[in-house]
N, C-alpha and C. Protein backbone atom coordinates (compact mmCIF):
# COMPACT_ATOMS: atom_id res chain seq x y z
N UNK A 1 38.55 -34.88 13.53
CA UNK A 1 37.25 -35.31 13.33
C UNK A 1 36.11 -34.38 14.28
N UNK A 2 36.56 -34.83 15.60
CA UNK A 2 35.80 -34.82 16.59
C UNK A 2 35.59 -32.97 17.12
N UNK A 3 36.38 -32.49 16.22
CA UNK A 3 36.49 -30.86 16.49
C UNK A 3 35.56 -30.63 15.57
N UNK A 4 35.00 -31.02 14.22
CA UNK A 4 33.92 -31.13 13.21
C UNK A 4 32.36 -31.54 13.70
N UNK A 5 32.76 -32.23 14.59
CA UNK A 5 31.42 -32.64 15.06
C UNK A 5 30.62 -31.62 15.67
N UNK A 6 30.91 -30.47 16.45
CA UNK A 6 29.86 -29.59 16.80
C UNK A 6 29.73 -28.79 15.85
N UNK A 7 30.73 -28.33 14.77
CA UNK A 7 30.03 -27.51 13.98
C UNK A 7 29.15 -28.16 12.95
N UNK A 8 29.48 -29.34 12.87
CA UNK A 8 28.01 -30.35 11.82
C UNK A 8 27.17 -30.70 12.74
N UNK A 9 26.66 -30.70 13.73
CA UNK A 9 25.58 -30.22 14.45
C UNK A 9 25.06 -29.30 14.33
N UNK A 10 25.63 -28.12 14.56
CA UNK A 10 24.84 -27.08 14.27
C UNK A 10 24.38 -26.41 12.75
N UNK A 11 25.05 -26.88 11.75
CA UNK A 11 25.02 -26.75 10.53
C UNK A 11 23.50 -27.35 10.41
N UNK A 12 23.60 -28.72 10.55
CA UNK A 12 22.13 -29.37 10.69
C UNK A 12 21.13 -28.81 11.05
N UNK A 13 21.27 -28.27 12.59
CA UNK A 13 20.22 -27.91 13.69
C UNK A 13 19.60 -26.42 13.33
N UNK A 14 20.26 -25.40 12.82
CA UNK A 14 20.12 -23.97 12.45
C UNK A 14 19.24 -24.12 11.76
N UNK A 15 19.24 -24.43 10.34
CA UNK A 15 18.09 -24.60 9.61
C UNK A 15 16.76 -25.02 10.32
N UNK A 16 16.90 -25.92 10.73
CA UNK A 16 15.84 -26.55 11.65
C UNK A 16 14.84 -25.64 12.37
N UNK A 17 15.50 -25.24 13.24
CA UNK A 17 15.13 -24.21 13.99
C UNK A 17 14.97 -23.09 13.77
N UNK A 18 15.43 -22.35 12.30
CA UNK A 18 15.18 -21.25 11.81
C UNK A 18 13.60 -21.51 11.06
N UNK A 19 13.43 -22.61 10.61
CA UNK A 19 12.26 -22.72 10.16
C UNK A 19 10.98 -23.51 11.00
N UNK A 20 11.59 -23.74 11.65
CA UNK A 20 10.44 -24.28 12.79
C UNK A 20 9.57 -22.79 13.83
N UNK A 21 9.95 -21.90 13.62
CA UNK A 21 9.61 -20.79 14.12
C UNK A 21 7.91 -20.71 13.63
N UNK A 22 7.19 -20.78 15.06
CA UNK A 22 5.57 -20.01 14.68
C UNK A 22 5.45 -18.97 15.37
N UNK A 23 4.78 -18.01 13.92
CA UNK A 23 4.47 -16.87 13.92
C UNK A 23 3.16 -16.51 14.22
N UNK A 24 2.56 -17.59 14.80
CA UNK A 24 0.82 -17.79 15.00
C UNK A 24 -0.06 -17.51 13.80
N UNK A 25 -1.09 -16.68 13.71
CA UNK A 25 -2.21 -16.96 12.75
C UNK A 25 -1.19 -16.46 11.51
N UNK A 26 -0.52 -15.74 11.02
CA UNK A 26 -0.04 -15.30 9.74
C UNK A 26 1.08 -16.81 9.53
N UNK A 27 1.46 -17.43 10.32
CA UNK A 27 1.71 -18.67 9.94
C UNK A 27 0.99 -19.55 9.65
N UNK A 28 -0.41 -19.89 10.62
CA UNK A 28 -1.46 -20.75 10.05
C UNK A 28 -2.78 -20.43 9.10
N UNK A 29 -2.56 -19.05 8.68
CA UNK A 29 -3.41 -18.76 7.66
C UNK A 29 -2.56 -17.41 6.78
N UNK A 30 -1.70 -18.06 6.36
CA UNK A 30 -0.85 -17.31 5.46
C UNK A 30 -1.35 -16.17 4.35
N UNK A 31 -2.74 -16.54 3.83
CA UNK A 31 -3.29 -15.60 2.59
C UNK A 31 -4.11 -14.85 3.23
N UNK A 32 -4.42 -13.62 2.94
CA UNK A 32 -5.52 -12.52 3.23
C UNK A 32 -5.68 -11.74 2.26
N UNK A 33 -7.41 -11.16 2.35
CA UNK A 33 -8.02 -10.36 1.61
C UNK A 33 -8.59 -9.50 2.54
N UNK A 34 -8.31 -8.13 2.39
CA UNK A 34 -8.52 -7.18 3.28
C UNK A 34 -9.34 -5.97 2.35
N UNK A 35 -10.25 -5.21 2.86
CA UNK A 35 -10.82 -4.04 2.19
C UNK A 35 -9.97 -3.13 2.83
N UNK A 36 -9.45 -2.03 2.24
CA UNK A 36 -8.82 -0.62 2.80
C UNK A 36 -9.33 0.23 2.68
N UNK A 37 -9.78 1.27 3.56
CA UNK A 37 -10.13 2.44 3.07
C UNK A 37 -9.35 3.70 4.12
N UNK A 38 -9.42 4.95 3.42
CA UNK A 38 -8.63 6.20 4.14
C UNK A 38 -8.01 7.26 2.84
N UNK A 39 -7.57 8.55 3.75
CA UNK A 39 -7.29 9.56 2.91
C UNK A 39 -5.81 9.17 2.46
N UNK A 40 -5.24 9.10 1.03
CA UNK A 40 -4.00 8.84 0.79
C UNK A 40 -2.99 7.50 0.92
N UNK A 41 -3.89 6.51 1.15
CA UNK A 41 -3.17 5.27 1.44
C UNK A 41 -2.74 4.67 -0.16
N UNK A 42 -2.34 3.61 0.05
CA UNK A 42 -1.92 2.87 -1.15
C UNK A 42 -2.57 2.70 -1.90
N UNK A 43 -3.90 2.25 -1.66
CA UNK A 43 -4.75 1.58 -2.76
C UNK A 43 -5.93 3.32 -2.54
N UNK A 44 -5.58 4.31 -2.29
CA UNK A 44 -6.45 5.17 -2.58
C UNK A 44 -7.31 5.44 -1.51
N UNK A 45 -8.66 6.09 -1.57
CA UNK A 45 -9.65 6.42 -0.57
C UNK A 45 -10.35 5.07 -0.18
N UNK A 46 -10.83 4.33 -1.19
CA UNK A 46 -10.74 2.54 -0.74
C UNK A 46 -10.50 1.82 -2.33
N UNK A 47 -9.96 0.50 -1.69
CA UNK A 47 -9.73 -0.68 -2.16
C UNK A 47 -9.67 -1.54 -1.67
N UNK A 48 -9.07 -2.70 -2.25
CA UNK A 48 -8.61 -4.04 -1.64
C UNK A 48 -7.02 -4.54 -1.69
N UNK A 49 -6.42 -5.36 -0.94
CA UNK A 49 -5.53 -5.80 -0.93
C UNK A 49 -5.24 -7.63 -0.53
N UNK A 50 -4.79 -7.92 -1.31
CA UNK A 50 -4.00 -9.35 -1.20
C UNK A 50 -2.64 -9.62 -0.26
N UNK A 51 -2.84 -10.12 0.18
CA UNK A 51 -1.33 -10.81 0.69
C UNK A 51 -1.26 -11.89 1.27
N UNK A 52 0.14 -12.48 0.93
CA UNK A 52 1.04 -13.55 1.01
C UNK A 52 1.40 -13.72 1.95
N UNK A 53 1.84 -14.44 3.24
CA UNK A 53 2.92 -14.50 4.26
C UNK A 53 3.92 -15.47 3.73
N UNK A 54 5.26 -15.14 3.57
CA UNK A 54 6.11 -16.20 2.96
C UNK A 54 6.31 -17.27 4.23
N UNK A 55 6.33 -18.80 3.80
CA UNK A 55 6.40 -19.90 4.59
C UNK A 55 7.27 -19.49 5.63
N UNK A 56 6.86 -19.69 7.23
CA UNK A 56 7.81 -19.56 8.40
C UNK A 56 8.85 -18.36 8.25
N UNK A 57 7.77 -17.36 8.11
CA UNK A 57 8.74 -16.15 8.20
C UNK A 57 8.08 -14.72 8.53
N UNK A 58 8.36 -13.75 9.08
CA UNK A 58 7.60 -12.81 9.23
C UNK A 58 7.38 -11.63 8.40
N UNK A 59 7.45 -12.24 7.28
CA UNK A 59 7.19 -11.49 5.61
C UNK A 59 6.07 -11.51 5.34
N UNK A 60 5.75 -11.03 4.59
CA UNK A 60 4.41 -11.10 3.50
C UNK A 60 4.58 -10.04 2.34
N UNK A 61 4.24 -10.33 1.31
CA UNK A 61 3.79 -9.67 0.51
C UNK A 61 2.74 -9.38 -0.24
N UNK A 62 2.14 -8.06 -0.54
CA UNK A 62 0.86 -7.83 -0.35
C UNK A 62 0.53 -7.01 -2.45
N UNK A 63 -0.16 -7.42 -2.80
CA UNK A 63 -0.84 -6.36 -3.80
C UNK A 63 -2.22 -5.91 -3.95
N UNK A 64 -2.54 -4.56 -3.96
CA UNK A 64 -3.46 -4.08 -3.95
C UNK A 64 -4.42 -3.55 -5.03
N UNK A 65 -5.50 -2.55 -4.89
CA UNK A 65 -5.85 -2.17 -6.63
C UNK A 65 -7.13 -1.57 -5.54
N UNK A 66 -7.13 0.07 -5.81
CA UNK A 66 -8.18 0.76 -5.79
C UNK A 66 -8.32 2.16 -6.55
N UNK A 67 -8.96 3.04 -5.47
CA UNK A 67 -9.61 4.30 -6.39
C UNK A 67 -9.07 5.47 -5.43
N UNK A 68 -8.37 6.15 -5.54
CA UNK A 68 -7.97 7.42 -5.00
C UNK A 68 -8.47 9.02 -5.79
N UNK A 69 -7.61 9.85 -5.27
CA UNK A 69 -7.86 11.27 -5.86
C UNK A 69 -6.78 11.24 -7.57
N UNK A 70 -5.91 10.26 -7.28
CA UNK A 70 -5.31 10.54 -8.85
C UNK A 70 -5.39 9.53 -9.55
N UNK A 71 -6.87 8.86 -9.39
CA UNK A 71 -7.43 7.69 -9.99
C UNK A 71 -7.12 6.33 -9.86
N UNK A 72 -7.49 5.18 -10.82
CA UNK A 72 -7.37 4.07 -10.17
C UNK A 72 -5.60 4.00 -10.10
N UNK A 73 -5.72 3.11 -8.97
CA UNK A 73 -4.43 2.54 -7.99
C UNK A 73 -3.75 0.99 -7.94
N UNK A 74 -3.17 1.01 -8.17
CA UNK A 74 -2.19 -0.59 -7.86
C UNK A 74 -1.03 -0.06 -7.00
N UNK A 75 -0.96 -0.99 -5.99
CA UNK A 75 0.22 -0.98 -5.04
C UNK A 75 0.59 -1.91 -4.81
N UNK A 76 1.81 -2.20 -4.89
CA UNK A 76 2.78 -3.54 -4.18
C UNK A 76 3.60 -3.31 -2.84
N UNK A 77 3.36 -3.93 -1.65
CA UNK A 77 3.93 -3.56 -0.70
C UNK A 77 4.57 -5.04 -0.07
N UNK A 78 5.76 -4.55 0.86
CA UNK A 78 6.15 -5.34 1.64
C UNK A 78 5.81 -5.16 2.85
N UNK A 79 5.44 -6.34 3.87
CA UNK A 79 5.28 -6.12 5.23
C UNK A 79 5.94 -6.99 6.27
N UNK A 80 6.19 -6.42 7.48
CA UNK A 80 7.22 -6.99 8.24
C UNK A 80 6.42 -6.89 9.41
N UNK A 81 5.82 -8.19 10.21
CA UNK A 81 5.21 -8.79 11.05
C UNK A 81 5.96 -8.74 12.42
N UNK A 82 5.63 -8.01 13.45
CA UNK A 82 6.58 -8.45 14.72
C UNK A 82 5.27 -8.43 15.73
N UNK A 83 5.54 -9.81 16.19
CA UNK A 83 4.78 -10.24 16.92
C UNK A 83 4.28 -9.88 18.75
N UNK A 84 2.96 -9.12 18.57
CA UNK A 84 3.33 -8.70 20.25
C UNK A 84 2.16 -9.72 20.97
N UNK A 85 2.72 -10.53 22.34
CA UNK A 85 1.92 -11.57 22.62
C UNK A 85 1.95 -13.13 21.81
N UNK A 86 0.97 -13.69 22.33
CA UNK A 86 0.47 -14.60 22.07
C UNK A 86 -1.18 -14.68 21.06
N UNK A 87 -1.62 -13.32 21.23
CA UNK A 87 -2.70 -13.19 20.74
C UNK A 87 -3.62 -12.94 19.36
N UNK A 88 -2.34 -13.37 18.78
CA UNK A 88 -2.64 -12.68 16.99
C UNK A 88 -2.36 -11.40 17.26
N UNK A 89 -1.76 -10.48 17.47
CA UNK A 89 -1.65 -9.25 17.63
C UNK A 89 -0.07 -8.65 17.14
N UNK A 90 -0.17 -7.61 16.16
CA UNK A 90 1.47 -7.85 15.96
C UNK A 90 1.19 -6.37 15.41
N UNK A 91 2.83 -5.72 15.48
CA UNK A 91 2.92 -4.15 14.73
C UNK A 91 3.58 -4.41 13.25
N UNK A 92 3.20 -3.79 12.59
CA UNK A 92 3.85 -4.10 11.16
C UNK A 92 4.41 -3.12 10.45
N UNK A 93 5.20 -3.33 9.92
CA UNK A 93 6.10 -2.18 8.77
C UNK A 93 6.05 -2.46 7.60
N UNK A 94 5.64 -1.40 6.63
CA UNK A 94 5.43 -1.79 5.25
C UNK A 94 6.21 -0.54 4.39
N UNK A 95 6.11 -1.20 2.99
CA UNK A 95 6.77 -0.02 2.18
C UNK A 95 6.57 -0.41 1.04
N UNK A 96 6.39 0.14 -0.05
CA UNK A 96 6.41 0.04 -1.55
C UNK A 96 6.22 1.06 -2.02
N UNK A 97 5.49 0.42 -3.80
CA UNK A 97 5.25 1.63 -4.47
C UNK A 97 4.00 1.34 -4.89
N UNK A 98 3.05 3.05 -5.45
CA UNK A 98 2.25 2.80 -5.86
C UNK A 98 2.12 3.57 -6.86
N UNK A 99 0.94 3.33 -7.89
CA UNK A 99 0.63 3.59 -9.37
C UNK A 99 -0.81 4.47 -9.30
N UNK A 100 -0.44 5.64 -9.60
CA UNK A 100 -1.93 6.71 -9.80
C UNK A 100 -2.06 6.71 -11.26
N UNK A 101 -3.67 6.28 -11.88
CA UNK A 101 -3.52 6.47 -13.15
C UNK A 101 -4.95 7.00 -13.45
N UNK A 102 -5.06 7.97 -14.49
CA UNK A 102 -5.90 8.66 -14.94
C UNK A 102 -6.15 8.35 -16.33
N UNK A 103 -7.44 8.65 -17.04
CA UNK A 103 -7.60 8.73 -18.35
C UNK A 103 -8.45 8.34 -18.84
N UNK A 104 -9.54 8.95 -20.17
CA UNK A 104 -10.48 8.11 -20.90
C UNK A 104 -10.07 6.85 -21.06
N UNK A 105 -9.45 6.24 -21.65
CA UNK A 105 -9.33 5.04 -21.41
C UNK A 105 -9.71 4.05 -20.41
N UNK A 106 -9.39 4.38 -19.22
CA UNK A 106 -9.61 3.95 -17.94
C UNK A 106 -11.15 4.10 -17.11
N UNK A 107 -11.87 5.28 -18.26
CA UNK A 107 -13.22 5.14 -17.60
C UNK A 107 -13.01 6.43 -16.84
N UNK A 108 -12.18 7.14 -16.24
CA UNK A 108 -12.09 8.08 -15.37
C UNK A 108 -12.12 9.67 -15.87
N UNK A 109 -12.33 10.36 -15.43
CA UNK A 109 -12.60 11.84 -15.74
C UNK A 109 -11.48 12.37 -15.47
N UNK A 110 -10.78 13.13 -16.42
CA UNK A 110 -9.32 13.77 -16.33
C UNK A 110 -9.41 15.56 -15.81
N UNK A 111 -8.98 15.65 -14.67
CA UNK A 111 -9.32 17.34 -14.53
C UNK A 111 -8.50 17.78 -15.42
N UNK A 112 -8.80 19.33 -15.82
CA UNK A 112 -7.88 20.00 -16.40
C UNK A 112 -8.50 21.56 -16.86
N UNK A 113 -7.63 22.42 -16.95
CA UNK A 113 -8.01 23.70 -17.19
C UNK A 113 -7.57 24.19 -18.79
N UNK A 114 -8.44 25.36 -19.33
CA UNK A 114 -7.89 25.39 -20.61
C UNK A 114 -6.69 26.32 -20.57
N UNK A 115 -5.64 26.15 -21.09
CA UNK A 115 -5.26 26.07 -22.70
C UNK A 115 -4.83 24.21 -22.93
N UNK A 116 -4.94 23.57 -21.46
CA UNK A 116 -4.52 22.37 -21.16
C UNK A 116 -5.40 21.56 -22.31
N UNK A 117 -5.16 20.42 -23.38
CA UNK A 117 -5.70 19.43 -23.65
C UNK A 117 -5.53 18.01 -23.41
N UNK A 118 -6.59 17.06 -23.27
CA UNK A 118 -6.57 16.19 -22.79
C UNK A 118 -6.51 14.78 -23.83
N UNK A 119 -5.71 13.65 -24.15
CA UNK A 119 -5.42 12.91 -25.08
C UNK A 119 -6.59 12.07 -24.65
N UNK A 120 -7.41 11.51 -25.90
CA UNK A 120 -8.23 10.70 -25.80
C UNK A 120 -7.75 9.34 -25.42
N UNK A 121 -6.62 9.05 -25.74
CA UNK A 121 -5.99 7.62 -25.68
C UNK A 121 -5.18 7.98 -24.56
N UNK A 122 -4.61 8.93 -24.00
CA UNK A 122 -3.36 9.15 -23.11
C UNK A 122 -4.00 8.94 -21.53
N UNK A 123 -3.18 8.11 -21.01
CA UNK A 123 -3.23 7.70 -19.78
C UNK A 123 -2.19 8.60 -18.66
N UNK A 124 -2.48 9.28 -18.13
CA UNK A 124 -1.70 10.50 -16.93
C UNK A 124 -1.49 9.61 -15.79
N UNK A 125 -0.40 9.54 -15.35
CA UNK A 125 -0.06 8.97 -13.94
C UNK A 125 1.15 9.61 -13.22
N UNK A 126 0.96 8.93 -11.68
CA UNK A 126 1.71 8.89 -10.73
C UNK A 126 2.48 8.18 -10.36
N UNK A 127 3.76 8.12 -9.98
CA UNK A 127 4.32 6.95 -9.00
C UNK A 127 4.68 7.73 -7.35
N UNK A 128 4.31 6.55 -6.85
CA UNK A 128 4.60 7.04 -5.41
C UNK A 128 5.34 6.13 -4.45
N UNK A 129 6.01 6.10 -3.94
CA UNK A 129 6.87 5.43 -3.11
C UNK A 129 6.41 5.40 -1.48
N UNK A 130 5.43 4.61 -1.24
CA UNK A 130 4.97 4.47 0.26
C UNK A 130 5.55 3.91 1.31
N UNK A 131 5.78 4.45 2.75
CA UNK A 131 6.20 3.58 3.98
C UNK A 131 5.21 3.61 5.04
N UNK A 132 5.18 2.84 5.76
CA UNK A 132 4.16 3.30 6.99
C UNK A 132 4.58 2.12 8.19
N UNK A 133 3.77 2.38 9.40
CA UNK A 133 3.77 1.66 10.47
C UNK A 133 2.53 1.53 11.36
N UNK A 134 2.14 0.71 11.46
CA UNK A 134 0.82 -0.02 11.52
C UNK A 134 0.39 -0.83 12.44
N UNK A 135 -0.54 -1.77 12.91
CA UNK A 135 -0.94 -2.86 13.94
C UNK A 135 -2.02 -3.70 13.18
N UNK A 136 -1.67 -4.69 13.44
CA UNK A 136 -3.01 -5.70 12.82
C UNK A 136 -3.16 -6.64 13.77
N UNK A 137 -4.26 -7.12 13.84
CA UNK A 137 -4.81 -7.70 14.96
C UNK A 137 -5.51 -8.96 13.59
N UNK A 138 -5.31 -10.28 14.31
CA UNK A 138 -5.73 -11.15 13.64
C UNK A 138 -6.32 -12.78 14.45
N UNK A 139 -7.59 -12.91 14.54
CA UNK A 139 -8.36 -14.48 14.85
C UNK A 139 -8.08 -15.09 14.46
N UNK A 140 -8.28 -16.11 15.67
CA UNK A 140 -7.93 -17.73 15.46
C UNK A 140 -8.89 -18.08 14.21
N UNK A 141 -10.09 -17.54 13.57
CA UNK A 141 -11.60 -17.96 13.22
C UNK A 141 -10.80 -17.19 11.52
N UNK A 142 -9.28 -16.40 11.54
CA UNK A 142 -9.33 -15.82 10.01
C UNK A 142 -9.90 -14.30 10.30
N UNK A 143 -10.46 -13.89 10.78
CA UNK A 143 -10.86 -11.95 11.12
C UNK A 143 -9.39 -11.61 11.17
N UNK A 144 -9.48 -10.21 10.16
CA UNK A 144 -8.29 -9.14 10.17
C UNK A 144 -8.88 -7.80 11.00
N UNK A 145 -8.22 -7.25 11.36
CA UNK A 145 -8.09 -5.68 11.80
C UNK A 145 -7.08 -5.13 11.75
N UNK A 146 -6.81 -4.27 11.02
CA UNK A 146 -5.72 -3.66 10.68
C UNK A 146 -5.75 -2.09 10.43
N UNK A 147 -4.96 -1.25 10.91
CA UNK A 147 -4.82 0.40 11.01
C UNK A 147 -3.28 0.46 10.30
N UNK A 148 -3.18 1.89 9.85
CA UNK A 148 -1.61 1.90 9.76
C UNK A 148 -1.52 3.33 9.15
N UNK A 149 -0.61 4.24 9.46
CA UNK A 149 -0.07 5.32 9.12
C UNK A 149 1.11 5.62 8.39
N UNK A 150 1.46 6.75 7.47
CA UNK A 150 2.38 6.72 6.79
C UNK A 150 2.63 7.82 5.86
N UNK A 151 3.60 7.78 5.20
CA UNK A 151 3.55 8.78 4.20
C UNK A 151 4.18 8.62 2.87
N UNK A 152 3.97 8.71 1.60
CA UNK A 152 4.37 8.39 0.22
C UNK A 152 5.47 9.68 -0.17
N UNK A 153 6.34 9.10 -0.97
CA UNK A 153 7.26 9.89 -1.56
C UNK A 153 6.20 10.40 -3.12
N UNK A 154 6.44 11.46 -3.67
CA UNK A 154 6.16 11.54 -5.47
C UNK A 154 7.43 11.71 -5.79
N UNK A 155 7.49 10.36 -6.82
CA UNK A 155 8.75 10.03 -7.52
C UNK A 155 9.11 10.54 -8.53
N UNK A 156 7.41 10.30 -9.64
CA UNK A 156 7.81 10.90 -11.18
C UNK A 156 6.20 11.22 -11.40
N UNK A 157 5.81 11.67 -12.60
CA UNK A 157 4.26 12.06 -12.61
C UNK A 157 3.96 12.94 -14.12
N UNK A 158 3.00 12.55 -14.56
CA UNK A 158 2.40 13.35 -15.71
C UNK A 158 1.04 14.14 -15.42
N UNK A 159 0.58 13.89 -14.28
CA UNK A 159 -0.45 14.27 -13.97
C UNK A 159 -0.44 16.25 -13.57
N UNK A 160 0.80 16.66 -13.05
CA UNK A 160 1.27 17.78 -12.67
C UNK A 160 0.64 18.63 -14.11
N UNK A 161 0.94 18.33 -14.95
CA UNK A 161 0.72 19.11 -16.33
C UNK A 161 -0.47 19.35 -16.73
N UNK A 162 -1.55 18.55 -15.82
CA UNK A 162 -3.09 18.78 -16.46
C UNK A 162 -3.43 20.28 -15.86
N UNK A 163 -2.98 20.70 -14.83
CA UNK A 163 -3.29 21.86 -14.14
C UNK A 163 -2.13 22.93 -14.33
N UNK A 164 -2.78 24.19 -14.92
CA UNK A 164 -1.44 25.36 -14.96
C UNK A 164 -0.96 25.74 -13.30
N UNK A 165 0.17 26.02 -12.82
CA UNK A 165 0.26 26.24 -11.46
C UNK A 165 0.25 27.34 -10.97
N UNK A 166 -0.25 28.12 -11.58
CA UNK A 166 -0.72 29.43 -11.42
C UNK A 166 -2.23 29.81 -11.46
N UNK A 167 -2.83 28.94 -11.88
CA UNK A 167 -4.00 28.97 -11.56
C UNK A 167 -5.14 29.52 -10.66
N UNK A 168 -5.32 30.87 -11.13
CA UNK A 168 -6.05 31.40 -10.06
C UNK A 168 -7.68 31.77 -10.29
N UNK A 169 -8.28 31.01 -10.72
CA UNK A 169 -9.36 31.13 -11.07
C UNK A 169 -10.48 30.80 -9.69
N UNK A 170 -11.32 31.98 -9.87
CA UNK A 170 -12.22 31.87 -8.69
C UNK A 170 -12.98 30.93 -8.19
N UNK A 171 -13.42 30.44 -7.41
CA UNK A 171 -14.09 29.10 -6.98
C UNK A 171 -13.52 28.17 -7.45
N UNK A 172 -14.07 26.94 -6.85
CA UNK A 172 -13.59 25.42 -7.44
C UNK A 172 -14.11 25.64 -8.75
N UNK A 173 -13.04 24.59 -9.21
CA UNK A 173 -13.23 24.03 -10.66
C UNK A 173 -12.81 22.58 -10.90
N UNK A 174 -12.62 22.08 -12.00
CA UNK A 174 -11.92 20.97 -12.16
C UNK A 174 -10.19 20.45 -11.48
N UNK A 175 -9.48 21.61 -11.58
CA UNK A 175 -8.43 21.56 -10.78
C UNK A 175 -8.27 22.02 -9.81
N UNK A 176 -9.56 22.19 -8.75
CA UNK A 176 -9.08 23.05 -7.65
C UNK A 176 -10.77 22.09 -7.33
N UNK A 177 -11.45 21.25 -7.05
CA UNK A 177 -12.81 21.01 -5.93
C UNK A 177 -12.65 21.18 -5.12
N UNK A 178 -14.17 21.51 -4.52
CA UNK A 178 -14.59 22.28 -3.33
C UNK A 178 -13.98 20.79 -1.98
N UNK A 179 -14.00 19.83 -1.98
CA UNK A 179 -14.32 18.69 -1.20
C UNK A 179 -13.04 17.87 -0.84
N UNK A 180 -12.49 18.19 -2.14
CA UNK A 180 -10.97 16.65 -2.30
C UNK A 180 -10.23 17.11 -3.02
N UNK A 181 -9.16 17.02 -2.97
CA UNK A 181 -8.28 17.37 -4.00
C UNK A 181 -8.12 16.66 -5.34
N UNK A 182 -7.91 17.17 -6.58
CA UNK A 182 -7.75 16.59 -7.76
C UNK A 182 -6.68 15.82 -7.73
N UNK A 183 -6.62 14.85 -8.72
CA UNK A 183 -4.80 14.34 -9.11
C UNK A 183 -3.92 15.16 -9.64
N UNK A 184 -4.21 16.44 -10.05
CA UNK A 184 -2.99 17.30 -10.32
C UNK A 184 -2.34 17.94 -9.04
N UNK A 185 -3.66 18.26 -7.85
CA UNK A 185 -3.26 19.17 -7.09
C UNK A 185 -2.04 18.15 -5.93
N UNK A 186 -2.60 16.99 -6.23
CA UNK A 186 -1.83 15.93 -5.69
C UNK A 186 -0.30 15.76 -6.00
N UNK A 187 -0.15 15.84 -7.18
CA UNK A 187 0.83 15.20 -8.27
C UNK A 187 1.86 16.94 -7.75
N UNK A 188 1.38 17.60 -7.47
CA UNK A 188 2.11 18.98 -7.00
C UNK A 188 3.03 18.57 -5.77
N UNK A 189 2.75 17.77 -4.93
CA UNK A 189 2.97 17.76 -3.83
C UNK A 189 4.36 16.49 -3.56
N UNK A 190 5.40 17.14 -2.81
CA UNK A 190 6.70 16.33 -2.67
C UNK A 190 6.48 14.90 -1.90
N UNK A 191 5.73 15.46 -0.89
CA UNK A 191 5.62 14.39 0.13
C UNK A 191 4.09 14.29 0.98
N UNK A 192 3.54 13.28 1.11
CA UNK A 192 2.09 13.67 1.82
C UNK A 192 1.76 12.45 2.67
N UNK A 193 1.16 12.90 4.05
CA UNK A 193 0.95 11.40 5.09
C UNK A 193 -0.25 11.16 4.70
N UNK A 194 -0.37 9.71 4.79
CA UNK A 194 -1.85 8.75 4.66
C UNK A 194 -2.12 8.40 6.01
N UNK A 195 -3.35 7.53 5.91
CA UNK A 195 -3.75 7.09 7.22
C UNK A 195 -4.32 6.12 6.30
N UNK A 196 -4.72 4.74 7.23
CA UNK A 196 -5.45 3.53 6.36
C UNK A 196 -5.75 2.43 7.02
N UNK A 197 -7.20 2.04 7.23
CA UNK A 197 -7.95 1.20 7.75
C UNK A 197 -8.40 0.12 7.00
N UNK A 198 -8.32 -1.03 7.61
CA UNK A 198 -8.81 -2.02 6.55
C UNK A 198 -9.08 -3.27 7.41
N UNK A 199 -10.04 -4.25 7.10
CA UNK A 199 -11.02 -5.18 7.29
C UNK A 199 -10.83 -6.54 6.28
N UNK A 200 -10.55 -7.43 6.83
CA UNK A 200 -10.94 -8.84 6.24
C UNK A 200 -10.53 -9.99 6.69
N UNK A 201 -10.16 -11.14 5.90
CA UNK A 201 -10.51 -12.15 6.37
C UNK A 201 -8.86 -12.82 5.72
N UNK A 202 -8.68 -14.06 6.82
CA UNK A 202 -7.16 -14.81 6.27
C UNK A 202 -7.48 -16.07 6.34
N UNK A 203 -6.89 -16.75 5.30
CA UNK A 203 -7.22 -18.37 5.09
C UNK A 203 -5.95 -19.02 4.65
């Protein structure tokens, strides 16, 4: 029995040591709401993200919604925090899918060129897989500032077919606007970098 006593003590104390860890503000204020903006980010040009840090862990799950070149975007992200010092500063790694949707049922314009016809009840989509690295600062009062950079992989889509691949019409048009890419232009890319900045509050 004496040989089993140290093993028994370790088996009892190890879970306590693991679950007693303090990861700073992400532990004391596990829920977060942030406004996100940036070209190509998981929630598009601008959007909002809700996050929840799993109890007594450095992991968080985030769900977001926004608007980008590919239309309305919804995103799910898993985030890993790496605490830097004791002042609420963290390095972050994140990954997860985003879905962009264009269509008349969603109230969004659908860029296309003749002879491609747009269905009145059709939603054109693009599925991304995102990965990024960043920094996040959290104040003791709950304020959040974050910045991240990464890239997405075009997994599958139906938006690329809205515009002809060899469309050489002079000047800007619905498929090739002057100041920002259209959804079909984005859908023709396989990989693309993104940057996102966020501000919010944790509670």
